[in-house]
């Protein structure tokens, strides 16, 4: 059985600087993607996604210069396929850890 979930995604372009960096500081850019559920929850709490993004960057020691709302898209996700991809990702992570342990043990 194929089950799909509709996911609304919102992109925000963030320009930020690292205050810990020596002057002149580099302005960096990054795209932050939020799902519709998070955007809706923030709105119910009376907070804009832009201010929430600024708070998250501030917690990491960055100063946000600007947050621009970008594209919005609706994606239809096949949950069965997503499950298979997640299982493969977990297996790959475990295999990577096992190889790292073997290499560490072999180098000693």
PDB file of N, CA and C in Angstrom:
ATOM      1  N   UNK A   1       0.836  -1.171   0.000  1.00  0.00           N
ATOM      2  CA  UNK A   1       0.000   0.000   0.000  1.00  0.00           C
ATOM      3  C   UNK A   1       0.887   1.242   0.000  1.00  0.00           C
ATOM      4  N   UNK A   2       0.567   2.168  -0.858  1.00  0.00           N
ATOM      5  CA  UNK A   2       1.343   3.401  -0.952  1.00  0.00           C
ATOM      6  C   UNK A   2       0.605   4.508  -0.198  1.00  0.00           C
ATOM      7  N   UNK A   3       1.265   5.056   0.808  1.00  0.00           N
ATOM      8  CA  UNK A   3       0.681   6.130   1.595  1.00  0.00           C
ATOM      9  C   UNK A   3       1.559   7.366   1.424  1.00  0.00           C
ATOM     10  N   UNK A   4       0.927   8.463   1.060  1.00  0.00           N
ATOM     11  CA  UNK A   4       1.657   9.708   0.883  1.00  0.00           C
ATOM     12  C   UNK A   4       1.238  10.726   1.938  1.00  0.00           C
ATOM     13  N   UNK A   5       2.164  11.580   2.251  1.00  0.00           N
ATOM     14  CA  UNK A   5       1.902  12.692   3.163  1.00  0.00           C
ATOM     15  C   UNK A   5       2.242  13.972   2.429  1.00  0.00           C
ATOM     16  N   UNK A   6       1.387  14.957   2.560  1.00  0.00           N
ATOM     17  CA  UNK A   6       1.651  16.251   1.957  1.00  0.00           C
ATOM     18  C   UNK A   6       2.401  17.103   2.971  1.00  0.00           C
ATOM     19  N   UNK A   7       3.520  17.649   2.551  1.00  0.00           N
ATOM     20  CA  UNK A   7       4.361  18.459   3.429  1.00  0.00           C
ATOM     21  C   UNK A   7       4.531  19.836   2.801  1.00  0.00           C
ATOM     22  N   UNK A   8       4.209  20.870   3.564  1.00  0.00           N
ATOM     23  CA  UNK A   8       4.430  22.249   3.114  1.00  0.00           C
ATOM     24  C   UNK A   8       5.776  22.707   3.648  1.00  0.00           C
ATOM     25  N   UNK A   9       6.619  23.227   2.764  1.00  0.00           N
ATOM     26  CA  UNK A   9       7.954  23.669   3.132  1.00  0.00           C
ATOM     27  C   UNK A   9       8.118  25.151   2.812  1.00  0.00           C
ATOM     28  N   UNK A  10       8.756  25.875   3.728  1.00  0.00           N
ATOM     29  CA  UNK A  10       8.995  27.309   3.571  1.00  0.00           C
ATOM     30  C   UNK A  10      10.492  27.562   3.699  1.00  0.00           C
ATOM     31  N   UNK A  11      11.074  28.232   2.716  1.00  0.00           N
ATOM     32  CA  UNK A  11      12.500  28.537   2.737  1.00  0.00           C
ATOM     33  C   UNK A  11      12.713  29.977   3.196  1.00  0.00           C
ATOM     34  N   UNK A  12      13.740  30.183   4.003  1.00  0.00           N
ATOM     35  CA  UNK A  12      14.125  31.514   4.468  1.00  0.00           C
ATOM     36  C   UNK A  12      15.622  31.670   4.217  1.00  0.00           C
ATOM     37  N   UNK A  13      15.996  32.755   3.572  1.00  0.00           N
ATOM     38  CA  UNK A  13      17.409  33.051   3.314  1.00  0.00           C
ATOM     39  C   UNK A  13      17.926  33.888   4.481  1.00  0.00           C
ATOM     40  N   UNK A  14      18.971  33.395   5.137  1.00  0.00           N
ATOM     41  CA  UNK A  14      19.499  34.047   6.342  1.00  0.00           C
ATOM     42  C   UNK A  14      20.902  34.576   6.049  1.00  0.00           C
ATOM     43  N   UNK A  15      21.128  35.855   6.377  1.00  0.00           N
ATOM     44  CA  UNK A  15      22.456  36.457   6.300  1.00  0.00           C
ATOM     45  C   UNK A  15      22.917  36.688   7.734  1.00  0.00           C
ATOM     46  N   UNK A  16      24.107  36.162   8.066  1.00  0.00           N
ATOM     47  CA  UNK A  16      24.566  36.252   9.454  1.00  0.00           C
ATOM     48  C   UNK A  16      26.070  36.419   9.514  1.00  0.00           C
ATOM     49  N   UNK A  17      26.535  36.866  10.689  1.00  0.00           N
ATOM     50  CA  UNK A  17      27.968  36.973  10.938  1.00  0.00           C
ATOM     51  C   UNK A  17      28.287  36.284  12.258  1.00  0.00           C
ATOM     52  N   UNK A  18      29.533  35.858  12.362  1.00  0.00           N
ATOM     53  CA  UNK A  18      30.021  35.242  13.592  1.00  0.00           C
ATOM     54  C   UNK A  18      30.765  36.318  14.380  1.00  0.00           C
ATOM     55  N   UNK A  19      30.219  36.708  15.530  1.00  0.00           N
ATOM     56  CA  UNK A  19      30.821  37.769  16.335  1.00  0.00           C
ATOM     57  C   UNK A  19      32.195  37.374  16.887  1.00  0.00           C
ATOM     58  N   UNK A  20      32.465  36.082  16.938  1.00  0.00           N
ATOM     59  CA  UNK A  20      33.743  35.618  17.478  1.00  0.00           C
ATOM     60  C   UNK A  20      34.870  35.769  16.467  1.00  0.00           C
ATOM     61  N   UNK A  21      34.515  35.984  15.209  1.00  0.00           N
ATOM     62  CA  UNK A  21      35.487  36.114  14.127  1.00  0.00           C
ATOM     63  C   UNK A  21      36.162  37.487  14.209  1.00  0.00           C
ATOM     64  N   UNK A  22      37.436  37.538  13.840  1.00  0.00           N
ATOM     65  CA  UNK A  22      38.157  38.812  13.837  1.00  0.00           C
ATOM     66  C   UNK A  22      37.606  39.713  12.737  1.00  0.00           C
ATOM     67  N   UNK A  23      37.690  41.030  12.962  1.00  0.00           N
ATOM     68  CA  UNK A  23      37.207  41.981  11.959  1.00  0.00           C
ATOM     69  C   UNK A  23      38.192  42.050  10.811  1.00  0.00           C
ATOM     70  N   UNK A  24      37.800  42.256   9.618  1.00  0.00           N
ATOM     71  CA  UNK A  24      36.431  42.390   9.123  1.00  0.00           C
ATOM     72  C   UNK A  24      35.757  41.021   9.076  1.00  0.00           C
ATOM     73  N   UNK A  25      34.517  40.981   9.525  1.00  0.00           N
ATOM     74  CA  UNK A  25      33.766  39.730   9.594  1.00  0.00           C
ATOM     75  C   UNK A  25      33.101  39.431   8.257  1.00  0.00           C
ATOM     76  N   UNK A  26      33.042  38.166   7.949  1.00  0.00           N
ATOM     77  CA  UNK A  26      32.423  37.716   6.707  1.00  0.00           C
ATOM     78  C   UNK A  26      30.923  37.551   6.909  1.00  0.00           C
ATOM     79  N   UNK A  27      30.158  38.096   5.971  1.00  0.00           N
ATOM     80  CA  UNK A  27      28.706  37.886   5.992  1.00  0.00           C
ATOM     81  C   UNK A  27      28.454  36.566   5.281  1.00  0.00           C
ATOM     82  N   UNK A  28      27.835  35.652   5.992  1.00  0.00           N
ATOM     83  CA  UNK A  28      27.552  34.327   5.429  1.00  0.00           C
ATOM     84  C   UNK A  28      26.068  34.215   5.132  1.00  0.00           C
ATOM     85  N   UNK A  29      25.745  33.355   4.197  1.00  0.00           N
ATOM     86  CA  UNK A  29      24.347  33.128   3.853  1.00  0.00           C
ATOM     87  C   UNK A  29      24.005  31.661   3.953  1.00  0.00           C
ATOM     88  N   UNK A  30      22.767  31.395   4.318  1.00  0.00           N
ATOM     89  CA  UNK A  30      22.324  30.021   4.493  1.00  0.00           C
ATOM     90  C   UNK A  30      20.815  29.971   4.282  1.00  0.00           C
ATOM     91  N   UNK A  31      20.339  28.860   3.786  1.00  0.00           N
ATOM     92  CA  UNK A  31      18.902  28.664   3.629  1.00  0.00           C
ATOM     93  C   UNK A  31      18.402  27.789   4.763  1.00  0.00           C
ATOM     94  N   UNK A  32      17.369  28.272   5.448  1.00  0.00           N
ATOM     95  CA  UNK A  32      16.719  27.512   6.512  1.00  0.00           C
ATOM     96  C   UNK A  32      15.342  27.122   5.990  1.00  0.00           C
ATOM     97  N   UNK A  33      15.012  25.837   6.098  1.00  0.00           N
ATOM     98  CA  UNK A  33      13.723  25.347   5.620  1.00  0.00           C
ATOM     99  C   UNK A  33      12.893  24.886   6.818  1.00  0.00           C
ATOM    100  N   UNK A  34      11.692  25.431   6.926  1.00  0.00           N
ATOM    101  CA  UNK A  34      10.767  25.050   7.992  1.00  0.00           C
ATOM    102  C   UNK A  34       9.553  24.383   7.369  1.00  0.00           C
ATOM    103  N   UNK A  35       9.010  23.409   8.071  1.00  0.00           N
ATOM    104  CA  UNK A  35       7.789  22.765   7.582  1.00  0.00           C
ATOM    105  C   UNK A  35       6.577  23.558   8.053  1.00  0.00           C
ATOM    106  N   UNK A  36       5.458  23.323   7.395  1.00  0.00           N
ATOM    107  CA  UNK A  36       4.233  24.059   7.692  1.00  0.00           C
ATOM    108  C   UNK A  36       3.768  23.919   9.122  1.00  0.00           C
ATOM    109  N   UNK A  37       3.993  22.769   9.735  1.00  0.00           N
ATOM    110  CA  UNK A  37       3.597  22.559  11.130  1.00  0.00           C
ATOM    111  C   UNK A  37       4.328  23.486  12.072  1.00  0.00           C
ATOM    112  N   UNK A  38       5.621  23.659  11.850  1.00  0.00           N
ATOM    113  CA  UNK A  38       6.409  24.549  12.712  1.00  0.00           C
ATOM    114  C   UNK A  38       5.984  25.998  12.503  1.00  0.00           C
ATOM    115  N   UNK A  39       5.792  26.393  11.239  1.00  0.00           N
ATOM    116  CA  UNK A  39       5.365  27.766  10.944  1.00  0.00           C
ATOM    117  C   UNK A  39       4.024  28.044  11.603  1.00  0.00           C
ATOM    118  N   UNK A  40       3.100  27.103  11.508  1.00  0.00           N
ATOM    119  CA  UNK A  40       1.778  27.259  12.118  1.00  0.00           C
ATOM    120  C   UNK A  40       1.875  27.367  13.637  1.00  0.00           C
ATOM    121  N   UNK A  41       2.696  26.521  14.249  1.00  0.00           N
ATOM    122  CA  UNK A  41       2.859  26.552  15.707  1.00  0.00           C
ATOM    123  C   UNK A  41       3.452  27.881  16.157  1.00  0.00           C
ATOM    124  N   UNK A  42       4.428  28.387  15.427  1.00  0.00           N
ATOM    125  CA  UNK A  42       5.021  29.678  15.782  1.00  0.00           C
ATOM    126  C   UNK A  42       3.988  30.793  15.699  1.00  0.00           C
ATOM    127  N   UNK A  43       3.168  30.758  14.654  1.00  0.00           N
ATOM    128  CA  UNK A  43       2.135  31.786  14.506  1.00  0.00           C
ATOM    129  C   UNK A  43       1.135  31.725  15.657  1.00  0.00           C
ATOM    130  N   UNK A  44       0.769  30.516  16.087  1.00  0.00           N
ATOM    131  CA  UNK A  44      -0.148  30.376  17.222  1.00  0.00           C
ATOM    132  C   UNK A  44       0.456  30.903  18.507  1.00  0.00           C
ATOM    133  N   UNK A  45       1.772  30.848  18.611  1.00  0.00           N
ATOM    134  CA  UNK A  45       2.467  31.371  19.791  1.00  0.00           C
ATOM    135  C   UNK A  45       2.752  32.865  19.678  1.00  0.00           C
ATOM    136  N   UNK A  46       2.354  33.467  18.556  1.00  0.00           N
ATOM    137  CA  UNK A  46       2.562  34.900  18.368  1.00  0.00           C
ATOM    138  C   UNK A  46       3.975  35.264  17.977  1.00  0.00           C
ATOM    139  N   UNK A  47       4.691  34.330  17.372  1.00  0.00           N
ATOM    140  CA  UNK A  47       6.075  34.583  16.993  1.00  0.00           C
ATOM    141  C   UNK A  47       6.225  34.355  15.495  1.00  0.00           C
ATOM    142  N   UNK A  48       6.969  35.207  14.847  1.00  0.00           N
ATOM    143  CA  UNK A  48       7.195  35.034  13.417  1.00  0.00           C
ATOM    144  C   UNK A  48       8.321  34.025  13.200  1.00  0.00           C
ATOM    145  N   UNK A  49       8.308  33.326  12.080  1.00  0.00           N
ATOM    146  CA  UNK A  49       9.410  32.408  11.780  1.00  0.00           C
ATOM    147  C   UNK A  49      10.757  33.133  11.732  1.00  0.00           C
ATOM    148  N   UNK A  50      10.747  34.373  11.243  1.00  0.00           N
ATOM    149  CA  UNK A  50      11.987  35.138  11.149  1.00  0.00           C
ATOM    150  C   UNK A  50      12.592  35.399  12.524  1.00  0.00           C
ATOM    151  N   UNK A  51      11.769  35.776  13.504  1.00  0.00           N
ATOM    152  CA  UNK A  51      12.307  36.043  14.840  1.00  0.00           C
ATOM    153  C   UNK A  51      12.778  34.751  15.503  1.00  0.00           C
ATOM    154  N   UNK A  52      12.083  33.646  15.247  1.00  0.00           N
ATOM    155  CA  UNK A  52      12.502  32.358  15.800  1.00  0.00           C
ATOM    156  C   UNK A  52      13.856  31.950  15.226  1.00  0.00           C
ATOM    157  N   UNK A  53      14.036  32.159  13.918  1.00  0.00           N
ATOM    158  CA  UNK A  53      15.320  31.845  13.273  1.00  0.00           C
ATOM    159  C   UNK A  53      16.426  32.686  13.894  1.00  0.00           C
ATOM    160  N   UNK A  54      16.174  33.976  14.108  1.00  0.00           N
ATOM    161  CA  UNK A  54      17.175  34.855  14.737  1.00  0.00           C
ATOM    162  C   UNK A  54      17.564  34.341  16.126  1.00  0.00           C
ATOM    163  N   UNK A  55      16.586  33.877  16.898  1.00  0.00           N
ATOM    164  CA  UNK A  55      16.868  33.336  18.234  1.00  0.00           C
ATOM    165  C   UNK A  55      17.756  32.098  18.152  1.00  0.00           C
ATOM    166  N   UNK A  56      17.484  31.233  17.186  1.00  0.00           N
ATOM    167  CA  UNK A  56      18.274  30.012  17.056  1.00  0.00           C
ATOM    168  C   UNK A  56      19.729  30.327  16.705  1.00  0.00           C
ATOM    169  N   UNK A  57      19.937  31.299  15.829  1.00  0.00           N
ATOM    170  CA  UNK A  57      21.307  31.696  15.470  1.00  0.00           C
ATOM    171  C   UNK A  57      22.001  32.373  16.647  1.00  0.00           C
ATOM    172  N   UNK A  58      21.270  33.204  17.400  1.00  0.00           N
ATOM    173  CA  UNK A  58      21.856  33.895  18.555  1.00  0.00           C
ATOM    174  C   UNK A  58      22.343  32.892  19.595  1.00  0.00           C
ATOM    175  N   UNK A  59      21.603  31.801  19.769  1.00  0.00           N
ATOM    176  CA  UNK A  59      22.021  30.768  20.733  1.00  0.00           C
ATOM    177  C   UNK A  59      23.359  30.151  20.360  1.00  0.00           C
ATOM    178  N   UNK A  60      23.689  30.177  19.078  1.00  0.00           N
ATOM    179  CA  UNK A  60      24.944  29.591  18.610  1.00  0.00           C
ATOM    180  C   UNK A  60      26.059  30.624  18.478  1.00  0.00           C
ATOM    181  N   UNK A  61      25.787  31.880  18.879  1.00  0.00           N
ATOM    182  CA  UNK A  61      26.820  32.914  18.862  1.00  0.00           C
ATOM    183  C   UNK A  61      26.888  33.713  17.574  1.00  0.00           C
ATOM    184  N   UNK A  62      25.853  33.672  16.763  1.00  0.00           N
ATOM    185  CA  UNK A  62      25.839  34.407  15.510  1.00  0.00           C
ATOM    186  C   UNK A  62      24.887  35.595  15.606  1.00  0.00           C
ATOM    187  N   UNK A  63      25.152  36.625  14.818  1.00  0.00           N
ATOM    188  CA  UNK A  63      24.260  37.773  14.721  1.00  0.00           C
ATOM    189  C   UNK A  63      23.646  37.768  13.333  1.00  0.00           C
ATOM    190  N   UNK A  64      22.333  37.798  13.280  1.00  0.00           N
ATOM    191  CA  UNK A  64      21.628  37.753  12.005  1.00  0.00           C
ATOM    192  C   UNK A  64      21.445  39.168  11.487  1.00  0.00           C
ATOM    193  N   UNK A  65      21.849  39.377  10.235  1.00  0.00           N
ATOM    194  CA  UNK A  65      21.672  40.679   9.600  1.00  0.00           C
ATOM    195  C   UNK A  65      20.324  40.801   8.929  1.00  0.00           C
ATOM    196  N   UNK A  66      19.875  39.706   8.309  1.00  0.00           N
ATOM    197  CA  UNK A  66      18.594  39.746   7.596  1.00  0.00           C
ATOM    198  C   UNK A  66      18.062  38.333   7.406  1.00  0.00           C
ATOM    199  N   UNK A  67      16.741  38.236   7.396  1.00  0.00           N
ATOM    200  CA  UNK A  67      16.059  36.979   7.074  1.00  0.00           C
ATOM    201  C   UNK A  67      15.018  37.314   6.010  1.00  0.00           C
ATOM    202  N   UNK A  68      15.178  36.725   4.835  1.00  0.00           N
ATOM    203  CA  UNK A  68      14.256  36.973   3.727  1.00  0.00           C
ATOM    204  C   UNK A  68      13.444  35.718   3.480  1.00  0.00           C
ATOM    205  N   UNK A  69      12.126  35.897   3.397  1.00  0.00           N
ATOM    206  CA  UNK A  69      11.267  34.754   3.100  1.00  0.00           C
ATOM    207  C   UNK A  69      11.465  34.383   1.638  1.00  0.00           C
ATOM    208  N   UNK A  70      11.726  33.115   1.408  1.00  0.00           N
ATOM    209  CA  UNK A  70      11.957  32.631   0.060  1.00  0.00           C
ATOM    210  C   UNK A  70      10.760  31.886  -0.487  1.00  0.00           C
ATOM    211  N   UNK A  71      11.037  30.830  -1.182  1.00  0.00           N
ATOM    212  CA  UNK A  71       9.998  30.046  -1.842  1.00  0.00           C
ATOM    213  C   UNK A  71       9.208  29.197  -0.865  1.00  0.00           C
ATOM    214  N   UNK A  72       8.031  28.820  -1.301  1.00  0.00           N
ATOM    215  CA  UNK A  72       7.154  27.905  -0.582  1.00  0.00           C
ATOM    216  C   UNK A  72       6.807  26.792  -1.556  1.00  0.00           C
ATOM    217  N   UNK A  73       6.857  25.568  -1.088  1.00  0.00           N
ATOM    218  CA  UNK A  73       6.440  24.483  -1.958  1.00  0.00           C
ATOM    219  C   UNK A  73       5.756  23.398  -1.170  1.00  0.00           C
ATOM    220  N   UNK A  74       4.901  22.682  -1.861  1.00  0.00           N
ATOM    221  CA  UNK A  74       4.204  21.549  -1.265  1.00  0.00           C
ATOM    222  C   UNK A  74       4.765  20.293  -1.883  1.00  0.00           C
ATOM    223  N   UNK A  75       5.232  19.394  -1.038  1.00  0.00           N
ATOM    224  CA  UNK A  75       5.809  18.146  -1.513  1.00  0.00           C
ATOM    225  C   UNK A  75       4.915  16.990  -1.076  1.00  0.00           C
ATOM    226  N   UNK A  76       4.790  16.011  -1.937  1.00  0.00           N
ATOM    227  CA  UNK A  76       4.066  14.784  -1.599  1.00  0.00           C
ATOM    228  C   UNK A  76       5.122  13.705  -1.364  1.00  0.00           C
ATOM    229  N   UNK A  77       5.154  13.207  -0.145  1.00  0.00           N
ATOM    230  CA  UNK A  77       6.194  12.268   0.268  1.00  0.00           C
ATOM    231  C   UNK A  77       5.596  10.873   0.400  1.00  0.00           C
ATOM    232  N   UNK A  78       6.223   9.915  -0.258  1.00  0.00           N
ATOM    233  CA  UNK A  78       5.839   8.515  -0.125  1.00  0.00           C
ATOM    234  C   UNK A  78       6.456   8.012   1.180  1.00  0.00           C
ATOM    235  N   UNK A  79       5.626   7.786   2.200  1.00  0.00           N
ATOM    236  CA  UNK A  79       6.141   7.433   3.523  1.00  0.00           C
ATOM    237  C   UNK A  79       6.851   6.080   3.540  1.00  0.00           C
ATOM    238  N   UNK A  80       6.432   5.153   2.700  1.00  0.00           N
ATOM    239  CA  UNK A  80       7.118   3.865   2.616  1.00  0.00           C
ATOM    240  C   UNK A  80       8.538   4.026   2.101  1.00  0.00           C
ATOM    241  N   UNK A  81       8.699   4.829   1.059  1.00  0.00           N
ATOM    242  CA  UNK A  81      10.030   5.096   0.505  1.00  0.00           C
ATOM    243  C   UNK A  81      10.889   5.837   1.520  1.00  0.00           C
ATOM    244  N   UNK A  82      10.281   6.805   2.214  1.00  0.00           N
ATOM    245  CA  UNK A  82      11.002   7.558   3.235  1.00  0.00           C
ATOM    246  C   UNK A  82      11.507   6.628   4.338  1.00  0.00           C
ATOM    247  N   UNK A  83      10.686   5.658   4.737  1.00  0.00           N
ATOM    248  CA  UNK A  83      11.086   4.677   5.751  1.00  0.00           C
ATOM    249  C   UNK A  83      12.300   3.884   5.274  1.00  0.00           C
ATOM    250  N   UNK A  84      12.251   3.416   4.033  1.00  0.00           N
ATOM    251  CA  UNK A  84      13.379   2.644   3.488  1.00  0.00           C
ATOM    252  C   UNK A  84      14.658   3.468   3.475  1.00  0.00           C
ATOM    253  N   UNK A  85      14.549   4.736   3.105  1.00  0.00           N
ATOM    254  CA  UNK A  85      15.721   5.605   3.080  1.00  0.00           C
ATOM    255  C   UNK A  85      16.275   5.812   4.496  1.00  0.00           C
ATOM    256  N   UNK A  86      15.381   5.962   5.478  1.00  0.00           N
ATOM    257  CA  UNK A  86      15.817   6.149   6.862  1.00  0.00           C
ATOM    258  C   UNK A  86      16.525   4.902   7.387  1.00  0.00           C
ATOM    259  N   UNK A  87      16.003   3.729   7.052  1.00  0.00           N
ATOM    260  CA  UNK A  87      16.627   2.475   7.476  1.00  0.00           C
ATOM    261  C   UNK A  87      18.023   2.351   6.867  1.00  0.00           C
ATOM    262  N   UNK A  88      18.160   2.695   5.583  1.00  0.00           N
ATOM    263  CA  UNK A  88      19.473   2.654   4.930  1.00  0.00           C
ATOM    264  C   UNK A  88      20.439   3.644   5.559  1.00  0.00           C
ATOM    265  N   UNK A  89      19.954   4.817   5.928  1.00  0.00           N
ATOM    266  CA  UNK A  89      20.786   5.835   6.553  1.00  0.00           C
ATOM    267  C   UNK A  89      21.305   5.351   7.905  1.00  0.00           C
ATOM    268  N   UNK A  90      20.438   4.714   8.702  1.00  0.00           N
ATOM    269  CA  UNK A  90      20.845   4.181  10.005  1.00  0.00           C
ATOM    270  C   UNK A  90      21.878   3.064   9.812  1.00  0.00           C
ATOM    271  N   UNK A  91      21.638   2.189   8.843  1.00  0.00           N
ATOM    272  CA  UNK A  91      22.574   1.095   8.577  1.00  0.00           C
ATOM    273  C   UNK A  91      23.939   1.632   8.133  1.00  0.00           C
ATOM    274  N   UNK A  92      23.932   2.660   7.293  1.00  0.00           N
ATOM    275  CA  UNK A  92      25.188   3.250   6.830  1.00  0.00           C
ATOM    276  C   UNK A  92      25.950   3.884   7.987  1.00  0.00           C
ATOM    277  N   UNK A  93      25.239   4.550   8.885  1.00  0.00           N
ATOM    278  CA  UNK A  93      25.892   5.163  10.046  1.00  0.00           C
ATOM    279  C   UNK A  93      26.519   4.099  10.943  1.00  0.00           C
ATOM    280  N   UNK A  94      25.803   2.992  11.161  1.00  0.00           N
ATOM    281  CA  UNK A  94      26.353   1.902  11.980  1.00  0.00           C
ATOM    282  C   UNK A  94      27.574   1.289  11.307  1.00  0.00           C
ATOM    283  N   UNK A  95      27.514   1.086   9.998  1.00  0.00           N
ATOM    284  CA  UNK A  95      28.646   0.514   9.269  1.00  0.00           C
ATOM    285  C   UNK A  95      29.844   1.450   9.338  1.00  0.00           C
ATOM    286  N   UNK A  96      29.602   2.755   9.220  1.00  0.00           N
ATOM    287  CA  UNK A  96      30.688   3.729   9.307  1.00  0.00           C
ATOM    288  C   UNK A  96      31.360   3.700  10.663  1.00  0.00           C
ATOM    289  N   UNK A  97      30.571   3.577  11.735  1.00  0.00           N
ATOM    290  CA  UNK A  97      31.130   3.502  13.080  1.00  0.00           C
ATOM    291  C   UNK A  97      31.947   2.223  13.254  1.00  0.00           C
ATOM    292  N   UNK A  98      31.448   1.118  12.699  1.00  0.00           N
ATOM    293  CA  UNK A  98      32.162  -0.154  12.811  1.00  0.00           C
ATOM    294  C   UNK A  98      33.504  -0.084  12.086  1.00  0.00           C
ATOM    295  N   UNK A  99      33.524   0.525  10.911  1.00  0.00           N
ATOM    296  CA  UNK A  99      34.772   0.669  10.157  1.00  0.00           C
ATOM    297  C   UNK A  99      35.742   1.566  10.923  1.00  0.00           C
ATOM    298  N   UNK A 100      35.249   2.653  11.493  1.00  0.00           N
ATOM    299  CA  UNK A 100      36.101   3.548  12.262  1.00  0.00           C
ATOM    300  C   UNK A 100      36.715   2.817  13.462  1.00  0.00           C
ATOM    301  N   UNK A 101      35.934   1.987  14.141  1.00  0.00           N
ATOM    302  CA  UNK A 101      36.442   1.234  15.279  1.00  0.00           C
ATOM    303  C   UNK A 101      37.501   0.229  14.844  1.00  0.00           C
ATOM    304  N   UNK A 102      37.281  -0.423  13.701  1.00  0.00           N
ATOM    305  CA  UNK A 102      38.266  -1.364  13.185  1.00  0.00           C
ATOM    306  C   UNK A 102      39.568  -0.653  12.842  1.00  0.00           C
ATOM    307  N   UNK A 103      39.463   0.517  12.221  1.00  0.00           N
ATOM    308  CA  UNK A 103      40.662   1.269  11.846  1.00  0.00           C
ATOM    309  C   UNK A 103      41.403   1.752  13.080  1.00  0.00           C
ATOM    310  N   UNK A 104      40.674   2.190  14.100  1.00  0.00           N
ATOM    311  CA  UNK A 104      41.319   2.642  15.339  1.00  0.00           C
ATOM    312  C   UNK A 104      42.002   1.482  16.039  1.00  0.00           C
ATOM    313  N   UNK A 105      41.346   0.327  16.048  1.00  0.00           N
ATOM    314  CA  UNK A 105      41.915  -0.856  16.696  1.00  0.00           C
ATOM    315  C   UNK A 105      43.124  -1.379  15.930  1.00  0.00           C
ATOM    316  N   UNK A 106      43.067  -1.290  14.606  1.00  0.00           N
ATOM    317  CA  UNK A 106      44.157  -1.771  13.773  1.00  0.00           C
ATOM    318  C   UNK A 106      45.376  -0.866  13.824  1.00  0.00           C
ATOM    319  N   UNK A 107      45.186   0.419  14.089  1.00  0.00           N
ATOM    320  CA  UNK A 107      46.290   1.373  14.101  1.00  0.00           C
ATOM    321  C   UNK A 107      47.048   1.327  15.422  1.00  0.00           C
ATOM    322  N   UNK A 108      46.461   0.757  16.460  1.00  0.00           N
ATOM    323  CA  UNK A 108      47.090   0.774  17.785  1.00  0.00           C
ATOM    324  C   UNK A 108      48.195  -0.197  17.927  1.00  0.00           C
TER     325      UNK A 108
END
